[in-house]
Structure formats: C-alpha cells, structure tokens
Amino acid sequence: MAKRKIIWSNRAKTKRYEILEFYIDRNKSNTYSIKLNRRINKELRLLIKYPNLGIKTDIIGVRGLIIENFILFYELDNNIIVVHYIWDSRQNPEGLKVR
C-alpha cells in the first residue's frame, strides 16, 4: 500500500495560520502556538496511520478529528487526506463552512 499524504486546502492553511497568530498576539508569546502546532502535527501523523480516526460528520465522506478545542475536518480520497478546515469548536457553528 502506498503511503498516505496530507494535503491542506488553502482555507485550512489560512485558518491554521490565523489560529496560531491569534494565540501569539493574545498571549504575547509563541509558546502555546508552538505547542498547538506540534499537537496538530502529531495528530496528523496518527491520521496517516489510521484515516478513520475522526468522527463521521453530516457531510458525506468528511470526518472530524478533535484536537483540544479544535476540530480538523478532513476527507480521505484514495491515499490522500484532504484537510478542508480547522475550526475552533467554541465558536458559533452557524457560520461554519467545511468545504
């Protein structure tokens, strides 16, 4: 079996950057952002091994991986895991668009 690969959508990349920058600005330190980024990368390594690790969503084919207060929405397409969005679950879900 070929090794799985993670692909981030542009929206997901932008949101990840915004989240990390938010905590740098809020905490006046990059310590938490580094810790969070490492945690995300650790969970993605697990996702490569176990692609069905996340919970099913109402959107066909899309799963959600819970990482602290965030949900990483992804979809498995053959050996590619597409990360559609990362969302802070403490926000109002009315404006949430996964794809």
PDB file of N, CA and C in Angstrom:
ATOM      1  N   MET A   1       0.851  -1.190   0.000  1.00  0.00           N
ATOM      2  CA  MET A   1       0.000   0.000   0.000  1.00  0.00           C
ATOM      3  C   MET A   1       0.888   1.241   0.000  1.00  0.00           C
ATOM      4  N   ALA A   2       0.527   2.213  -0.814  1.00  0.00           N
ATOM      5  CA  ALA A   2       1.268   3.467  -0.878  1.00  0.00           C
ATOM      6  C   ALA A   2       1.029   4.282   0.386  1.00  0.00           C
ATOM      7  N   LYS A   3       2.009   5.092   0.712  1.00  0.00           N
ATOM      8  CA  LYS A   3       1.895   5.919   1.905  1.00  0.00           C
ATOM      9  C   LYS A   3       0.883   7.051   1.674  1.00  0.00           C
ATOM     10  N   ARG A   4       0.089   7.299   2.684  1.00  0.00           N
ATOM     11  CA  ARG A   4      -0.895   8.383   2.590  1.00  0.00           C
ATOM     12  C   ARG A   4      -0.196   9.736   2.693  1.00  0.00           C
ATOM     13  N   LYS A   5      -0.818  10.717   2.093  1.00  0.00           N
ATOM     14  CA  LYS A   5      -0.263  12.070   2.064  1.00  0.00           C
ATOM     15  C   LYS A   5      -1.332  13.046   2.550  1.00  0.00           C
ATOM     16  N   ILE A   6      -0.908  14.050   3.317  1.00  0.00           N
ATOM     17  CA  ILE A   6      -1.815  15.097   3.806  1.00  0.00           C
ATOM     18  C   ILE A   6      -1.739  16.296   2.863  1.00  0.00           C
ATOM     19  N   ILE A   7      -2.886  16.760   2.429  1.00  0.00           N
ATOM     20  CA  ILE A   7      -2.990  17.970   1.608  1.00  0.00           C
ATOM     21  C   ILE A   7      -3.899  18.951   2.353  1.00  0.00           C
ATOM     22  N   TRP A   8      -3.411  20.158   2.568  1.00  0.00           N
ATOM     23  CA  TRP A   8      -4.213  21.199   3.216  1.00  0.00           C
ATOM     24  C   TRP A   8      -4.854  22.083   2.146  1.00  0.00           C
ATOM     25  N   SER A   9      -6.151  22.323   2.268  1.00  0.00           N
ATOM     26  CA  SER A   9      -6.800  23.288   1.376  1.00  0.00           C
ATOM     27  C   SER A   9      -6.281  24.678   1.740  1.00  0.00           C
ATOM     28  N   ASN A  10      -6.435  25.610   0.822  1.00  0.00           N
ATOM     29  CA  ASN A  10      -5.991  26.982   1.096  1.00  0.00           C
ATOM     30  C   ASN A  10      -6.724  27.567   2.297  1.00  0.00           C
ATOM     31  N   ARG A  11      -8.021  27.282   2.396  1.00  0.00           N
ATOM     32  CA  ARG A  11      -8.804  27.780   3.533  1.00  0.00           C
ATOM     33  C   ARG A  11      -8.280  27.227   4.853  1.00  0.00           C
ATOM     34  N   ALA A  12      -7.941  25.929   4.851  1.00  0.00           N
ATOM     35  CA  ALA A  12      -7.445  25.289   6.068  1.00  0.00           C
ATOM     36  C   ALA A  12      -6.079  25.854   6.460  1.00  0.00           C
ATOM     37  N   LYS A  13      -5.211  26.067   5.471  1.00  0.00           N
ATOM     38  CA  LYS A  13      -3.892  26.651   5.746  1.00  0.00           C
ATOM     39  C   LYS A  13      -4.035  28.043   6.354  1.00  0.00           C
ATOM     40  N   THR A  14      -4.913  28.831   5.749  1.00  0.00           N
ATOM     41  CA  THR A  14      -5.135  30.196   6.227  1.00  0.00           C
ATOM     42  C   THR A  14      -5.685  30.185   7.645  1.00  0.00           C
ATOM     43  N   LYS A  15      -6.653  29.332   7.905  1.00  0.00           N
ATOM     44  CA  LYS A  15      -7.270  29.273   9.236  1.00  0.00           C
ATOM     45  C   LYS A  15      -6.260  28.807  10.280  1.00  0.00           C
ATOM     46  N   ARG A  16      -5.440  27.829   9.936  1.00  0.00           N
ATOM     47  CA  ARG A  16      -4.404  27.361  10.875  1.00  0.00           C
ATOM     48  C   ARG A  16      -3.459  28.498  11.229  1.00  0.00           C
ATOM     49  N   TYR A  17      -3.035  29.239  10.227  1.00  0.00           N
ATOM     50  CA  TYR A  17      -2.159  30.382  10.448  1.00  0.00           C
ATOM     51  C   TYR A  17      -2.839  31.425  11.338  1.00  0.00           C
ATOM     52  N   GLU A  18      -4.105  31.729  11.049  1.00  0.00           N
ATOM     53  CA  GLU A  18      -4.844  32.713  11.849  1.00  0.00           C
ATOM     54  C   GLU A  18      -4.957  32.274  13.312  1.00  0.00           C
ATOM     55  N   ILE A  19      -5.216  30.996  13.533  1.00  0.00           N
ATOM     56  CA  ILE A  19      -5.339  30.484  14.906  1.00  0.00           C
ATOM     57  C   ILE A  19      -4.016  30.624  15.643  1.00  0.00           C
ATOM     58  N   LEU A  20      -2.932  30.205  15.008  1.00  0.00           N
ATOM     59  CA  LEU A  20      -1.623  30.291  15.653  1.00  0.00           C
ATOM     60  C   LEU A  20      -1.226  31.740  15.911  1.00  0.00           C
ATOM     61  N   GLU A  21      -1.487  32.619  14.962  1.00  0.00           N
ATOM     62  CA  GLU A  21      -1.187  34.048  15.133  1.00  0.00           C
ATOM     63  C   GLU A  21      -2.041  34.670  16.244  1.00  0.00           C
ATOM     64  N   PHE A  22      -3.304  34.268  16.325  1.00  0.00           N
ATOM     65  CA  PHE A  22      -4.190  34.777  17.367  1.00  0.00           C
ATOM     66  C   PHE A  22      -3.601  34.516  18.753  1.00  0.00           C
ATOM     67  N   TYR A  23      -3.144  33.287  18.980  1.00  0.00           N
ATOM     68  CA  TYR A  23      -2.605  32.955  20.303  1.00  0.00           C
ATOM     69  C   TYR A  23      -1.262  33.609  20.570  1.00  0.00           C
ATOM     70  N   ILE A  24      -0.473  33.847  19.536  1.00  0.00           N
ATOM     71  CA  ILE A  24       0.776  34.588  19.724  1.00  0.00           C
ATOM     72  C   ILE A  24       0.456  36.003  20.171  1.00  0.00           C
ATOM     73  N   ASP A  25      -0.506  36.627  19.503  1.00  0.00           N
ATOM     74  CA  ASP A  25      -0.893  38.000  19.841  1.00  0.00           C
ATOM     75  C   ASP A  25      -1.555  38.073  21.217  1.00  0.00           C
ATOM     76  N   ARG A  26      -2.470  37.174  21.478  1.00  0.00           N
ATOM     77  CA  ARG A  26      -3.195  37.188  22.750  1.00  0.00           C
ATOM     78  C   ARG A  26      -2.290  36.917  23.948  1.00  0.00           C
ATOM     79  N   ASN A  27      -1.400  35.949  23.809  1.00  0.00           N
ATOM     80  CA  ASN A  27      -0.549  35.547  24.930  1.00  0.00           C
ATOM     81  C   ASN A  27       0.762  36.320  24.989  1.00  0.00           C
ATOM     82  N   LYS A  28       1.037  37.126  23.962  1.00  0.00           N
ATOM     83  CA  LYS A  28       2.302  37.861  23.870  1.00  0.00           C
ATOM     84  C   LYS A  28       3.489  36.901  23.954  1.00  0.00           C
ATOM     85  N   SER A  29       3.277  35.698  23.438  1.00  0.00           N
ATOM     86  CA  SER A  29       4.295  34.655  23.441  1.00  0.00           C
ATOM     87  C   SER A  29       3.902  33.627  22.388  1.00  0.00           C
ATOM     88  N   ASN A  30       4.907  32.966  21.834  1.00  0.00           N
ATOM     89  CA  ASN A  30       4.591  31.943  20.840  1.00  0.00           C
ATOM     90  C   ASN A  30       4.585  30.534  21.438  1.00  0.00           C
ATOM     91  N   THR A  31       4.719  30.413  22.737  1.00  0.00           N
ATOM     92  CA  THR A  31       4.814  29.112  23.396  1.00  0.00           C
ATOM     93  C   THR A  31       3.589  28.234  23.130  1.00  0.00           C
ATOM     94  N   TYR A  32       2.398  28.774  23.358  1.00  0.00           N
ATOM     95  CA  TYR A  32       1.192  27.966  23.150  1.00  0.00           C
ATOM     96  C   TYR A  32       1.015  27.619  21.676  1.00  0.00           C
ATOM     97  N   SER A  33       1.293  28.557  20.784  1.00  0.00           N
ATOM     98  CA  SER A  33       1.141  28.294  19.351  1.00  0.00           C
ATOM     99  C   SER A  33       2.080  27.180  18.899  1.00  0.00           C
ATOM    100  N   ILE A  34       3.288  27.167  19.412  1.00  0.00           N
ATOM    101  CA  ILE A  34       4.229  26.092  19.082  1.00  0.00           C
ATOM    102  C   ILE A  34       3.693  24.763  19.595  1.00  0.00           C
ATOM    103  N   LYS A  35       3.201  24.766  20.831  1.00  0.00           N
ATOM    104  CA  LYS A  35       2.651  23.546  21.430  1.00  0.00           C
ATOM    105  C   LYS A  35       1.450  23.043  20.623  1.00  0.00           C
ATOM    106  N   LEU A  36       0.545  23.945  20.261  1.00  0.00           N
ATOM    107  CA  LEU A  36      -0.636  23.576  19.486  1.00  0.00           C
ATOM    108  C   LEU A  36      -0.244  23.047  18.110  1.00  0.00           C
ATOM    109  N   ASN A  37       0.692  23.699  17.459  1.00  0.00           N
ATOM    110  CA  ASN A  37       1.138  23.266  16.142  1.00  0.00           C
ATOM    111  C   ASN A  37       1.767  21.868  16.207  1.00  0.00           C
ATOM    112  N   ARG A  38       2.553  21.613  17.239  1.00  0.00           N
ATOM    113  CA  ARG A  38       3.137  20.277  17.423  1.00  0.00           C
ATOM    114  C   ARG A  38       2.045  19.235  17.647  1.00  0.00           C
ATOM    115  N   ARG A  39       1.036  19.601  18.417  1.00  0.00           N
ATOM    116  CA  ARG A  39      -0.073  18.675  18.684  1.00  0.00           C
ATOM    117  C   ARG A  39      -0.830  18.356  17.396  1.00  0.00           C
ATOM    118  N   ILE A  40      -1.070  19.377  16.583  1.00  0.00           N
ATOM    119  CA  ILE A  40      -1.752  19.162  15.299  1.00  0.00           C
ATOM    120  C   ILE A  40      -0.927  18.209  14.429  1.00  0.00           C
ATOM    121  N   ASN A  41       0.373  18.447  14.346  1.00  0.00           N
ATOM    122  CA  ASN A  41       1.239  17.587  13.535  1.00  0.00           C
ATOM    123  C   ASN A  41       1.273  16.156  14.063  1.00  0.00           C
ATOM    124  N   LYS A  42       1.268  16.002  15.387  1.00  0.00           N
ATOM    125  CA  LYS A  42       1.256  14.669  15.996  1.00  0.00           C
ATOM    126  C   LYS A  42      -0.031  13.927  15.625  1.00  0.00           C
ATOM    127  N   GLU A  43      -1.167  14.630  15.712  1.00  0.00           N
ATOM    128  CA  GLU A  43      -2.449  14.018  15.378  1.00  0.00           C
ATOM    129  C   GLU A  43      -2.525  13.677  13.890  1.00  0.00           C
ATOM    130  N   LEU A  44      -1.912  14.498  13.047  1.00  0.00           N
ATOM    131  CA  LEU A  44      -1.904  14.209  11.609  1.00  0.00           C
ATOM    132  C   LEU A  44      -1.080  12.960  11.304  1.00  0.00           C
ATOM    133  N   ARG A  45       0.005  12.750  12.042  1.00  0.00           N
ATOM    134  CA  ARG A  45       0.787  11.522  11.860  1.00  0.00           C
ATOM    135  C   ARG A  45      -0.053  10.297  12.225  1.00  0.00           C
ATOM    136  N   LEU A  46      -0.861  10.419  13.276  1.00  0.00           N
ATOM    137  CA  LEU A  46      -1.777   9.327  13.633  1.00  0.00           C
ATOM    138  C   LEU A  46      -2.832   9.115  12.545  1.00  0.00           C
ATOM    139  N   LEU A  47      -3.307  10.225  11.994  1.00  0.00           N
ATOM    140  CA  LEU A  47      -4.327  10.161  10.952  1.00  0.00           C
ATOM    141  C   LEU A  47      -3.809   9.446   9.705  1.00  0.00           C
ATOM    142  N   ILE A  48      -2.532   9.615   9.401  1.00  0.00           N
ATOM    143  CA  ILE A  48      -1.938   8.920   8.260  1.00  0.00           C
ATOM    144  C   ILE A  48      -2.011   7.407   8.476  1.00  0.00           C
ATOM    145  N   LYS A  49      -1.751   6.977   9.703  1.00  0.00           N
ATOM    146  CA  LYS A  49      -1.808   5.540  10.006  1.00  0.00           C
ATOM    147  C   LYS A  49      -3.237   5.034  10.121  1.00  0.00           C
ATOM    148  N   TYR A  50      -4.110   5.844  10.723  1.00  0.00           N
ATOM    149  CA  TYR A  50      -5.490   5.444  10.996  1.00  0.00           C
ATOM    150  C   TYR A  50      -6.452   6.490  10.432  1.00  0.00           C
ATOM    151  N   PRO A  51      -6.720   6.461   9.130  1.00  0.00           N
ATOM    152  CA  PRO A  51      -7.505   7.525   8.496  1.00  0.00           C
ATOM    153  C   PRO A  51      -8.954   7.633   8.974  1.00  0.00           C
ATOM    154  N   ASN A  52      -9.491   6.597   9.581  1.00  0.00           N
ATOM    155  CA  ASN A  52     -10.863   6.668  10.078  1.00  0.00           C
ATOM    156  C   ASN A  52     -10.919   7.063  11.553  1.00  0.00           C
ATOM    157  N   LEU A  53      -9.847   7.640  12.045  1.00  0.00           N
ATOM    158  CA  LEU A  53      -9.746   8.032  13.442  1.00  0.00           C
ATOM    159  C   LEU A  53     -10.786   9.085  13.837  1.00  0.00           C
ATOM    160  N   GLY A  54     -11.060  10.013  12.952  1.00  0.00           N
ATOM    161  CA  GLY A  54     -12.016  11.076  13.243  1.00  0.00           C
ATOM    162  C   GLY A  54     -13.449  10.584  13.244  1.00  0.00           C
ATOM    163  N   ILE A  55     -14.326  11.408  13.791  1.00  0.00           N
ATOM    164  CA  ILE A  55     -15.740  11.054  13.852  1.00  0.00           C
ATOM    165  C   ILE A  55     -16.437  11.446  12.546  1.00  0.00           C
ATOM    166  N   LYS A  56     -17.449  10.683  12.170  1.00  0.00           N
ATOM    167  CA  LYS A  56     -18.217  10.997  10.971  1.00  0.00           C
ATOM    168  C   LYS A  56     -18.988  12.293  11.187  1.00  0.00           C
ATOM    169  N   THR A  57     -19.161  13.042  10.113  1.00  0.00           N
ATOM    170  CA  THR A  57     -19.954  14.263  10.160  1.00  0.00           C
ATOM    171  C   THR A  57     -21.211  14.057   9.317  1.00  0.00           C
ATOM    172  N   ASP A  58     -22.039  15.079   9.268  1.00  0.00           N
ATOM    173  CA  ASP A  58     -23.247  15.030   8.442  1.00  0.00           C
ATOM    174  C   ASP A  58     -22.922  15.149   6.955  1.00  0.00           C
ATOM    175  N   ILE A  59     -21.702  15.550   6.645  1.00  0.00           N
ATOM    176  CA  ILE A  59     -21.277  15.704   5.257  1.00  0.00           C
ATOM    177  C   ILE A  59     -20.668  14.379   4.807  1.00  0.00           C
ATOM    178  N   ILE A  60     -21.179  13.826   3.739  1.00  0.00           N
ATOM    179  CA  ILE A  60     -20.726  12.515   3.261  1.00  0.00           C
ATOM    180  C   ILE A  60     -19.229  12.545   2.958  1.00  0.00           C
ATOM    181  N   GLY A  61     -18.510  11.601   3.547  1.00  0.00           N
ATOM    182  CA  GLY A  61     -17.081  11.455   3.307  1.00  0.00           C
ATOM    183  C   GLY A  61     -16.185  12.303   4.185  1.00  0.00           C
ATOM    184  N   VAL A  62     -16.766  13.255   4.901  1.00  0.00           N
ATOM    185  CA  VAL A  62     -15.966  14.160   5.733  1.00  0.00           C
ATOM    186  C   VAL A  62     -16.009  13.688   7.176  1.00  0.00           C
ATOM    187  N   ARG A  63     -14.836  13.670   7.792  1.00  0.00           N
ATOM    188  CA  ARG A  63     -14.709  13.282   9.197  1.00  0.00           C
ATOM    189  C   ARG A  63     -14.119  14.459   9.966  1.00  0.00           C
ATOM    190  N   GLY A  64     -14.297  14.441  11.278  1.00  0.00           N
ATOM    191  CA  GLY A  64     -13.763  15.495  12.132  1.00  0.00           C
ATOM    192  C   GLY A  64     -12.842  14.916  13.189  1.00  0.00           C
ATOM    193  N   LEU A  65     -11.631  15.429  13.248  1.00  0.00           N
ATOM    194  CA  LEU A  65     -10.654  14.993  14.234  1.00  0.00           C
ATOM    195  C   LEU A  65     -10.566  16.062  15.313  1.00  0.00           C
ATOM    196  N   ILE A  66     -10.879  15.687  16.545  1.00  0.00           N
ATOM    197  CA  ILE A  66     -10.871  16.643  17.651  1.00  0.00           C
ATOM    198  C   ILE A  66      -9.455  16.765  18.198  1.00  0.00           C
ATOM    199  N   ILE A  67      -8.973  18.002  18.236  1.00  0.00           N
ATOM    200  CA  ILE A  67      -7.650  18.317  18.775  1.00  0.00           C
ATOM    201  C   ILE A  67      -7.837  19.487  19.740  1.00  0.00           C
ATOM    202  N   GLU A  68      -7.781  19.191  21.018  1.00  0.00           N
ATOM    203  CA  GLU A  68      -8.049  20.167  22.075  1.00  0.00           C
ATOM    204  C   GLU A  68      -9.416  20.806  21.820  1.00  0.00           C
ATOM    205  N   ASN A  69      -9.462  22.124  21.601  1.00  0.00           N
ATOM    206  CA  ASN A  69     -10.735  22.816  21.372  1.00  0.00           C
ATOM    207  C   ASN A  69     -11.048  22.993  19.886  1.00  0.00           C
ATOM    208  N   PHE A  70     -10.329  22.293  19.051  1.00  0.00           N
ATOM    209  CA  PHE A  70     -10.462  22.463  17.612  1.00  0.00           C
ATOM    210  C   PHE A  70     -10.928  21.171  16.954  1.00  0.00           C
ATOM    211  N   ILE A  71     -11.586  21.330  15.817  1.00  0.00           N
ATOM    212  CA  ILE A  71     -11.987  20.183  15.010  1.00  0.00           C
ATOM    213  C   ILE A  71     -11.349  20.361  13.635  1.00  0.00           C
ATOM    214  N   LEU A  72     -10.600  19.359  13.232  1.00  0.00           N
ATOM    215  CA  LEU A  72      -9.958  19.360  11.935  1.00  0.00           C
ATOM    216  C   LEU A  72     -10.839  18.515  11.005  1.00  0.00           C
ATOM    217  N   PHE A  73     -11.442  19.150  10.026  1.00  0.00           N
ATOM    218  CA  PHE A  73     -12.329  18.451   9.089  1.00  0.00           C
ATOM    219  C   PHE A  73     -11.514  17.972   7.899  1.00  0.00           C
ATOM    220  N   TYR A  74     -11.631  16.676   7.606  1.00  0.00           N
ATOM    221  CA  TYR A  74     -10.831  16.101   6.534  1.00  0.00           C
ATOM    222  C   TYR A  74     -11.639  15.059   5.770  1.00  0.00           C
ATOM    223  N   GLU A  75     -11.079  14.695   4.621  1.00  0.00           N
ATOM    224  CA  GLU A  75     -11.714  13.706   3.756  1.00  0.00           C
ATOM    225  C   GLU A  75     -10.618  12.807   3.187  1.00  0.00           C
ATOM    226  N   LEU A  76     -10.880  11.523   3.142  1.00  0.00           N
ATOM    227  CA  LEU A  76      -9.935  10.562   2.598  1.00  0.00           C
ATOM    228  C   LEU A  76     -10.292  10.284   1.140  1.00  0.00           C
ATOM    229  N   ASP A  77      -9.334  10.493   0.260  1.00  0.00           N
ATOM    230  CA  ASP A  77      -9.526  10.248  -1.167  1.00  0.00           C
ATOM    231  C   ASP A  77      -8.359   9.384  -1.639  1.00  0.00           C
ATOM    232  N   ASN A  78      -8.591   8.067  -1.754  1.00  0.00           N
ATOM    233  CA  ASN A  78      -7.540   7.086  -2.037  1.00  0.00           C
ATOM    234  C   ASN A  78      -6.456   7.197  -0.969  1.00  0.00           C
ATOM    235  N   ASN A  79      -5.254   7.571  -1.342  1.00  0.00           N
ATOM    236  CA  ASN A  79      -4.165   7.700  -0.370  1.00  0.00           C
ATOM    237  C   ASN A  79      -3.867   9.149  -0.014  1.00  0.00           C
ATOM    238  N   ILE A  80      -4.819  10.017  -0.281  1.00  0.00           N
ATOM    239  CA  ILE A  80      -4.659  11.439   0.040  1.00  0.00           C
ATOM    240  C   ILE A  80      -5.685  11.819   1.095  1.00  0.00           C
ATOM    241  N   ILE A  81      -5.212  12.476   2.134  1.00  0.00           N
ATOM    242  CA  ILE A  81      -6.104  13.009   3.165  1.00  0.00           C
ATOM    243  C   ILE A  81      -6.160  14.517   2.940  1.00  0.00           C
ATOM    244  N   VAL A  82      -7.332  14.996   2.583  1.00  0.00           N
ATOM    245  CA  VAL A  82      -7.511  16.422   2.317  1.00  0.00           C
ATOM    246  C   VAL A  82      -8.076  17.081   3.572  1.00  0.00           C
ATOM    247  N   VAL A  83      -7.318  18.021   4.129  1.00  0.00           N
ATOM    248  CA  VAL A  83      -7.790  18.796   5.276  1.00  0.00           C
ATOM    249  C   VAL A  83      -8.559  19.980   4.706  1.00  0.00           C
ATOM    250  N   HIS A  84      -9.871  19.993   4.971  1.00  0.00           N
ATOM    251  CA  HIS A  84     -10.729  21.054   4.427  1.00  0.00           C
ATOM    252  C   HIS A  84     -10.739  22.294   5.301  1.00  0.00           C
ATOM    253  N   TYR A  85     -10.725  22.095   6.629  1.00  0.00           N
ATOM    254  CA  TYR A  85     -10.875  23.254   7.508  1.00  0.00           C
ATOM    255  C   TYR A  85     -10.485  22.873   8.931  1.00  0.00           C
ATOM    256  N   ILE A  86     -10.041  23.844   9.683  1.00  0.00           N
ATOM    257  CA  ILE A  86      -9.815  23.660  11.109  1.00  0.00           C
ATOM    258  C   ILE A  86     -10.651  24.727  11.809  1.00  0.00           C
ATOM    259  N   TRP A  87     -11.421  24.296  12.793  1.00  0.00           N
ATOM    260  CA  TRP A  87     -12.425  25.171  13.383  1.00  0.00           C
ATOM    261  C   TRP A  87     -12.347  25.127  14.901  1.00  0.00           C
ATOM    262  N   ASP A  88     -12.435  26.288  15.521  1.00  0.00           N
ATOM    263  CA  ASP A  88     -12.477  26.396  16.978  1.00  0.00           C
ATOM    264  C   ASP A  88     -13.897  26.055  17.423  1.00  0.00           C
ATOM    265  N   SER A  89     -14.050  24.961  18.130  1.00  0.00           N
ATOM    266  CA  SER A  89     -15.382  24.462  18.488  1.00  0.00           C
ATOM    267  C   SER A  89     -16.095  25.333  19.521  1.00  0.00           C
ATOM    268  N   ARG A  90     -15.424  26.352  20.030  1.00  0.00           N
ATOM    269  CA  ARG A  90     -16.080  27.265  20.974  1.00  0.00           C
ATOM    270  C   ARG A  90     -16.835  28.379  20.253  1.00  0.00           C
ATOM    271  N   GLN A  91     -16.740  28.407  18.933  1.00  0.00           N
ATOM    272  CA  GLN A  91     -17.425  29.419  18.151  1.00  0.00           C
ATOM    273  C   GLN A  91     -18.816  28.964  17.779  1.00  0.00           C
ATOM    274  N   ASN A  92     -19.645  29.914  17.365  1.00  0.00           N
ATOM    275  CA  ASN A  92     -20.994  29.617  16.924  1.00  0.00           C
ATOM    276  C   ASN A  92     -20.927  28.850  15.606  1.00  0.00           C
ATOM    277  N   PRO A  93     -21.535  27.682  15.524  1.00  0.00           N
ATOM    278  CA  PRO A  93     -21.423  26.858  14.311  1.00  0.00           C
ATOM    279  C   PRO A  93     -22.249  27.353  13.128  1.00  0.00           C
ATOM    280  N   GLU A  94     -23.023  28.400  13.297  1.00  0.00           N
ATOM    281  CA  GLU A  94     -23.868  28.875  12.198  1.00  0.00           C
ATOM    282  C   GLU A  94     -23.071  29.292  10.983  1.00  0.00           C
ATOM    283  N   GLY A  95     -21.891  29.851  11.163  1.00  0.00           N
ATOM    284  CA  GLY A  95     -21.091  30.321  10.045  1.00  0.00           C
ATOM    285  C   GLY A  95     -20.095  29.304   9.533  1.00  0.00           C
ATOM    286  N   LEU A  96     -20.132  28.096  10.046  1.00  0.00           N
ATOM    287  CA  LEU A  96     -19.152  27.071   9.679  1.00  0.00           C
ATOM    288  C   LEU A  96     -19.415  26.532   8.277  1.00  0.00           C
ATOM    289  N   LYS A  97     -18.399  26.614   7.424  1.00  0.00           N
ATOM    290  CA  LYS A  97     -18.433  26.012   6.092  1.00  0.00           C
ATOM    291  C   LYS A  97     -17.218  25.093   6.006  1.00  0.00           C
ATOM    292  N   VAL A  98     -17.455  23.816   5.898  1.00  0.00           N
ATOM    293  CA  VAL A  98     -16.359  22.852   5.907  1.00  0.00           C
ATOM    294  C   VAL A  98     -15.655  22.824   4.559  1.00  0.00           C
ATOM    295  N   ARG A  99     -16.381  22.774   3.471  1.00  0.00           N
ATOM    296  CA  ARG A  99     -15.770  22.739   2.134  1.00  0.00           C
ATOM    297  C   ARG A  99     -15.923  24.059   1.438  1.00  0.00           C
TER     298      ARG A  99
END
